[in-house]
Amino acid sequence: MRYAALLIFLLSGLFASSQPPHYKVYAVRFASTGYRFPIASWALGGPENDSVDINFMVWLIKGDNGRNILVDAGFRRDMKDFPDAKEFAIVYRTSPDSAIGPLGLKGADITDIILTHPHWDHIDGISLFPNAHIWIQKEDFNYYVGGAWQKGGNSGGYEPRDVRTLVDLNMTHRLTLVDGDNKQLIPGITVFTGSRHTYNSQYVLVATPSKKIILASDNIWVYYSLEHLSPPSEGGTLDTAGYVNAIRRMKTLATSTRYVIPGHDAKIFTLFPKVTDDIVNIE
């Protein structure tokens, strides 16, 4: 009996260790726009006479393994006055590090930031999270700090101060370059590529024992694209077919389409349980 009890104990420990950590996933809004946009501005073939409410948000993955992971870092207040940001008439509600406060966290509590891509509205807030380790696709990083600034390169949506921040993080060993598709970064957290919103953007799969959630970020801008397999409007991807195929793939990876989360559509705050007016629990 004693040996049987020991065997059961060891097997139960082995089973528990093989299970993904329990994560709670939240969408956290920190800024919005001053007006609504025609859906056609964000989704190719979308209606001109229907509109979408565009928000800026980060996604918090809160684990029982001691990890507090952000997907993207948002941007600092003064960024709203930069040329690329002015077109949005940004209403800055609070800084991303303050936005997570209602969830019991401070900026210093964030252990990891997974950057889906290096556009200003997703990367500029990195310095608000001083203890976070940064994860970005290797090809995206190399183009961001190199080729984008060469003659004929495309630096649209990139801000020089953010490039310098990312280079400094690499030099201080706080940055990991992820090499390719379908890579598990942390138990239960896997990234995928293919959308090419930027040179090699990535999206995030969060796996728990009960469901799988895809945090698409700008690999799907708005729900219309998710629902109609519509690519983004002009400038939204370097590979239109790849972008649409990535949406199809996301639908197979998530527990259901409900758990595929676009990057800028305020509709998410009506679909999931509210924590505050600016936070929902994706459950």
Protein backbone atom coordinates (compact mmCIF):
# COMPACT_ATOMS: atom_id res chain seq x y z
CA MET A 1 0.00 0.00 0.00
CA ARG A 2 2.83 2.36 0.88
CA TYR A 3 4.46 1.87 -2.55
CA ALA A 4 1.13 2.26 -4.32
CA ALA A 5 0.51 5.55 -2.53
CA LEU A 6 4.00 6.74 -3.48
CA LEU A 7 3.42 5.78 -7.12
CA ILE A 8 0.10 7.65 -7.20
CA PHE A 9 1.79 10.70 -5.67
CA LEU A 10 4.61 10.65 -8.25
CA LEU A 11 2.24 10.14 -11.16
CA SER A 12 -0.04 12.94 -10.00
CA GLY A 13 2.96 15.27 -9.79
CA LEU A 14 4.07 14.27 -13.28
CA PHE A 15 0.57 14.86 -14.64
CA ALA A 16 0.32 18.26 -12.98
CA SER A 17 3.71 19.35 -14.33
CA SER A 18 2.65 18.44 -17.88
CA GLN A 19 -0.39 20.72 -17.76
CA PRO A 20 -0.17 24.30 -19.07
CA PRO A 21 -0.12 26.99 -16.39
CA HIS A 22 -3.45 28.57 -15.61
CA TYR A 23 -3.62 31.94 -17.30
CA LYS A 24 -6.16 34.72 -17.12
CA VAL A 25 -6.18 36.93 -20.18
CA TYR A 26 -7.34 40.53 -20.27
CA ALA A 27 -7.74 43.21 -22.93
CA VAL A 28 -6.68 46.56 -21.46
CA ARG A 29 -7.54 49.84 -23.20
CA PHE A 30 -5.37 52.88 -22.58
CA ALA A 31 -6.31 55.18 -25.48
CA SER A 32 -8.99 55.71 -28.10
CA THR A 33 -9.54 57.84 -31.18
CA GLY A 34 -11.43 61.10 -31.51
CA TYR A 35 -13.87 59.79 -34.12
CA ARG A 36 -15.13 56.58 -35.71
CA PHE A 37 -13.66 55.31 -38.98
CA PRO A 38 -15.37 53.75 -42.00
CA ILE A 39 -14.80 49.99 -41.86
CA ALA A 40 -13.41 50.30 -45.40
CA SER A 41 -10.48 52.25 -43.94
CA TRP A 42 -9.41 49.15 -42.00
CA ALA A 43 -10.70 46.18 -44.00
CA LEU A 44 -10.41 45.86 -47.78
CA GLY A 45 -13.89 45.62 -49.28
CA GLY A 46 -15.55 46.68 -46.05
CA PRO A 47 -18.51 49.07 -46.13
CA GLU A 48 -17.93 52.80 -46.40
CA ASN A 49 -21.28 53.55 -44.76
CA ASP A 50 -20.61 51.55 -41.58
CA SER A 51 -18.07 52.51 -38.98
CA VAL A 52 -15.72 50.98 -36.44
CA ASP A 53 -14.56 52.38 -33.10
CA ILE A 54 -10.78 52.13 -33.01
CA ASN A 55 -8.99 51.72 -29.67
CA PHE A 56 -5.42 51.24 -28.53
CA MET A 57 -4.86 48.40 -26.10
CA VAL A 58 -2.45 45.88 -24.64
CA TRP A 59 -3.23 42.33 -23.55
CA LEU A 60 -2.27 41.00 -20.14
CA ILE A 61 -1.63 37.29 -19.59
CA LYS A 62 -1.61 36.71 -15.84
CA GLY A 63 -0.30 33.29 -14.86
CA ASP A 64 -0.24 31.15 -11.75
CA ASN A 65 3.43 30.48 -12.61
CA GLY A 66 4.62 33.92 -11.51
CA ARG A 67 4.59 35.36 -15.03
CA ASN A 68 2.79 38.59 -15.84
CA ILE A 69 3.07 38.80 -19.61
CA LEU A 70 2.05 41.70 -21.82
CA VAL A 71 1.37 41.31 -25.49
CA ASP A 72 2.62 44.64 -26.85
CA ALA A 73 3.52 47.67 -24.75
CA GLY A 74 1.38 50.51 -26.06
CA PHE A 75 2.83 54.01 -26.23
CA ARG A 76 3.71 56.94 -23.99
CA ARG A 77 1.58 60.08 -23.81
CA ASP A 78 3.78 62.35 -25.94
CA MET A 79 3.68 59.91 -28.85
CA LYS A 80 0.18 61.11 -29.70
CA ASP A 81 1.77 64.31 -31.02
CA PHE A 82 4.17 62.53 -33.38
CA PRO A 83 3.33 62.87 -37.11
CA ASP A 84 2.18 59.26 -37.62
CA ALA A 85 -0.18 59.51 -34.64
CA LYS A 86 -1.89 62.84 -35.32
CA GLU A 87 -4.35 61.43 -37.87
CA PHE A 88 -6.07 59.45 -35.11
CA ALA A 89 -6.91 62.45 -32.88
CA ILE A 90 -5.87 60.23 -29.96
CA VAL A 91 -7.67 60.45 -26.64
CA TYR A 92 -5.04 59.27 -24.17
CA ARG A 93 -6.88 57.82 -21.17
CA THR A 94 -3.91 56.70 -19.11
CA SER A 95 -0.46 55.19 -19.62
CA PRO A 96 -0.29 51.43 -20.24
CA ASP A 97 1.49 50.81 -16.93
CA SER A 98 -1.29 52.63 -15.06
CA ALA A 99 -3.98 50.90 -17.14
CA ILE A 100 -3.10 47.53 -15.60
CA GLY A 101 -3.46 48.93 -12.06
CA PRO A 102 -7.05 47.69 -11.55
CA LEU A 103 -5.69 44.16 -12.06
CA GLY A 104 -3.39 44.57 -9.07
CA LEU A 105 -0.19 45.17 -11.04
CA LYS A 106 2.37 47.92 -11.52
CA GLY A 107 4.70 48.38 -14.46
CA ALA A 108 7.54 46.79 -12.50
CA ASP A 109 5.48 43.61 -12.06
CA ILE A 110 5.50 42.75 -15.77
CA THR A 111 7.94 39.91 -16.39
CA ASP A 112 7.69 39.63 -20.18
CA ILE A 113 6.54 41.64 -23.18
CA ILE A 114 5.83 39.80 -26.42
CA LEU A 115 6.02 42.33 -29.24
CA THR A 116 3.81 41.32 -32.13
CA HIS A 117 5.53 43.95 -34.29
CA PRO A 118 7.48 47.19 -33.85
CA HIS A 119 5.05 49.92 -34.87
CA TRP A 120 5.07 52.93 -32.53
CA ASP A 121 1.66 52.23 -30.98
CA HIS A 122 2.74 48.74 -29.90
CA ILE A 123 6.35 49.29 -28.84
CA ASP A 124 6.84 52.82 -27.51
CA GLY A 125 5.68 51.96 -23.97
CA ILE A 126 8.43 49.41 -23.30
CA SER A 127 10.29 51.73 -20.93
CA LEU A 128 7.24 51.81 -18.64
CA PHE A 129 7.96 48.17 -17.72
CA PRO A 130 11.53 48.22 -16.35
CA ASN A 131 11.81 44.53 -15.41
CA ALA A 132 10.25 42.99 -18.51
CA HIS A 133 12.09 40.67 -20.85
CA ILE A 134 11.25 41.42 -24.49
CA TRP A 135 10.43 38.87 -27.20
CA ILE A 136 10.34 39.80 -30.90
CA GLN A 137 10.72 37.94 -34.17
CA LYS A 138 14.35 37.90 -35.34
CA GLU A 139 13.55 38.93 -38.92
CA ASP A 140 11.27 41.72 -37.71
CA PHE A 141 14.01 43.05 -35.40
CA ASN A 142 16.72 42.88 -38.05
CA TYR A 143 14.63 44.80 -40.57
CA TYR A 144 13.45 47.29 -37.93
CA VAL A 145 16.95 48.31 -36.85
CA GLY A 146 18.59 47.86 -40.26
CA GLY A 147 16.94 47.53 -43.65
CA ALA A 148 13.98 49.79 -42.89
CA TRP A 149 16.32 52.80 -42.73
CA GLN A 150 18.28 52.02 -45.91
CA LYS A 151 17.51 53.64 -49.25
CA GLY A 152 14.36 51.95 -50.57
CA GLY A 153 13.44 50.61 -47.12
CA ASN A 154 10.07 51.06 -45.45
CA SER A 155 10.20 52.77 -42.05
CA GLY A 156 6.53 53.77 -42.01
CA GLY A 157 5.10 53.49 -38.49
CA TYR A 158 8.59 53.26 -36.96
CA GLU A 159 9.94 55.92 -34.60
CA PRO A 160 13.72 56.38 -34.19
CA ARG A 161 13.53 56.64 -30.40
CA ASP A 162 11.89 53.20 -30.25
CA VAL A 163 14.59 51.73 -32.49
CA ARG A 164 17.24 52.98 -30.07
CA THR A 165 15.31 51.55 -27.11
CA LEU A 166 15.16 48.12 -28.70
CA VAL A 167 18.85 48.15 -29.59
CA ASP A 168 19.73 49.11 -26.01
CA LEU A 169 17.58 46.27 -24.66
CA ASN A 170 19.39 43.83 -26.92
CA MET A 171 22.76 45.11 -25.70
CA THR A 172 21.71 44.63 -22.06
CA HIS A 173 20.50 41.05 -22.67
CA ARG A 174 16.84 41.86 -22.03
CA LEU A 175 15.69 40.85 -25.50
CA THR A 176 15.20 37.46 -27.15
CA LEU A 177 15.01 37.10 -30.91
CA VAL A 178 12.41 34.47 -31.82
CA ASP A 179 13.45 32.53 -34.88
CA GLY A 180 10.38 31.62 -36.90
CA ASP A 181 6.91 30.16 -36.74
CA ASN A 182 5.22 28.01 -34.10
CA LYS A 183 7.68 28.70 -31.28
CA GLN A 184 6.78 28.14 -27.63
CA LEU A 185 8.27 30.98 -25.61
CA ILE A 186 6.93 30.07 -22.18
CA PRO A 187 4.85 27.01 -21.22
CA GLY A 188 1.39 27.61 -22.67
CA ILE A 189 2.51 30.62 -24.75
CA THR A 190 3.32 30.04 -28.44
CA VAL A 191 3.85 32.52 -31.29
CA PHE A 192 3.05 32.14 -34.97
CA THR A 193 3.96 34.11 -38.09
CA GLY A 194 2.64 34.47 -41.62
CA SER A 195 0.53 37.64 -41.65
CA ARG A 196 3.44 39.95 -42.54
CA HIS A 197 1.76 43.04 -41.12
CA THR A 198 5.38 44.13 -40.74
CA TYR A 199 8.46 42.35 -42.08
CA ASN A 200 7.69 39.25 -39.99
CA SER A 201 5.00 40.06 -37.43
CA GLN A 202 3.82 37.43 -34.95
CA TYR A 203 0.63 36.61 -33.05
CA VAL A 204 0.21 34.80 -29.75
CA LEU A 205 -1.58 31.61 -28.71
CA VAL A 206 -2.40 31.31 -25.01
CA ALA A 207 -3.21 27.73 -24.00
CA THR A 208 -4.85 26.80 -20.72
CA PRO A 209 -6.48 23.51 -19.68
CA SER A 210 -9.89 24.90 -20.68
CA LYS A 211 -9.34 26.93 -23.86
CA LYS A 212 -6.97 28.37 -26.44
CA ILE A 213 -6.97 32.11 -27.12
CA ILE A 214 -5.36 33.88 -30.07
CA LEU A 215 -4.18 37.44 -29.47
CA ALA A 216 -3.89 38.61 -33.06
CA SER A 217 -2.90 42.21 -32.45
CA ASP A 218 -2.54 43.89 -35.85
CA ASN A 219 -2.43 40.58 -37.67
CA ILE A 220 -6.19 41.22 -37.62
CA TRP A 221 -7.07 44.88 -37.21
CA VAL A 222 -10.85 44.66 -36.79
CA TYR A 223 -13.63 42.10 -36.35
CA TYR A 224 -14.89 42.68 -39.89
CA SER A 225 -11.71 41.11 -41.27
CA LEU A 226 -12.07 38.14 -38.93
CA GLU A 227 -15.69 37.59 -39.89
CA HIS A 228 -15.28 38.08 -43.67
CA LEU A 229 -11.70 36.87 -44.21
CA SER A 230 -10.94 40.34 -45.47
CA PRO A 231 -7.36 41.57 -45.76
CA PRO A 232 -6.50 44.96 -44.28
CA SER A 233 -6.82 48.17 -46.24
CA GLU A 234 -3.83 49.54 -48.14
CA GLY A 235 -0.55 49.33 -46.25
CA GLY A 236 -1.76 46.79 -43.71
CA THR A 237 0.36 43.86 -44.89
CA LEU A 238 3.29 42.97 -47.12
CA ASP A 239 1.48 39.78 -48.20
CA THR A 240 -2.28 40.00 -48.72
CA ALA A 241 -2.74 36.26 -49.32
CA GLY A 242 -0.55 35.44 -46.33
CA TYR A 243 -2.60 37.75 -44.11
CA VAL A 244 -5.86 36.04 -45.06
CA ASN A 245 -4.35 32.58 -44.71
CA ALA A 246 -3.14 33.54 -41.24
CA ILE A 247 -6.69 34.48 -40.25
CA ARG A 248 -7.88 31.08 -41.46
CA ARG A 249 -5.13 29.44 -39.42
CA MET A 250 -6.00 31.40 -36.29
CA LYS A 251 -9.54 30.06 -36.48
CA THR A 252 -8.18 26.51 -36.40
CA LEU A 253 -5.81 27.24 -33.51
CA ALA A 254 -8.28 28.92 -31.14
CA THR A 255 -11.00 27.05 -29.24
CA SER A 256 -13.53 29.01 -31.31
CA THR A 257 -13.70 32.21 -33.36
CA ARG A 258 -14.86 33.97 -30.18
CA TYR A 259 -11.33 33.55 -28.86
CA VAL A 260 -9.57 35.18 -31.82
CA ILE A 261 -8.95 38.75 -30.67
CA PRO A 262 -8.28 41.59 -33.18
CA GLY A 263 -5.90 44.39 -32.35
CA HIS A 264 -7.84 47.66 -32.53
CA ASP A 265 -11.58 47.01 -32.51
CA ALA A 266 -13.46 48.42 -29.51
CA LYS A 267 -16.15 45.77 -30.01
CA ILE A 268 -14.16 43.46 -27.72
CA PHE A 269 -15.30 45.53 -24.74
CA THR A 270 -18.89 44.47 -25.43
CA LEU A 271 -18.17 40.75 -25.89
CA PHE A 272 -16.46 39.72 -22.66
CA PRO A 273 -17.05 40.22 -18.92
CA LYS A 274 -16.17 43.72 -17.78
CA VAL A 275 -13.60 44.34 -15.05
CA THR A 276 -13.69 48.12 -15.55
CA ASP A 277 -14.86 50.27 -18.45
CA ASP A 278 -11.42 49.76 -20.01
CA ILE A 279 -10.67 46.13 -19.08
CA VAL A 280 -12.39 42.88 -20.03
CA ASN A 281 -11.61 39.34 -19.00
CA ILE A 282 -11.30 37.12 -22.08
CA GLU A 283 -13.02 34.03 -20.70
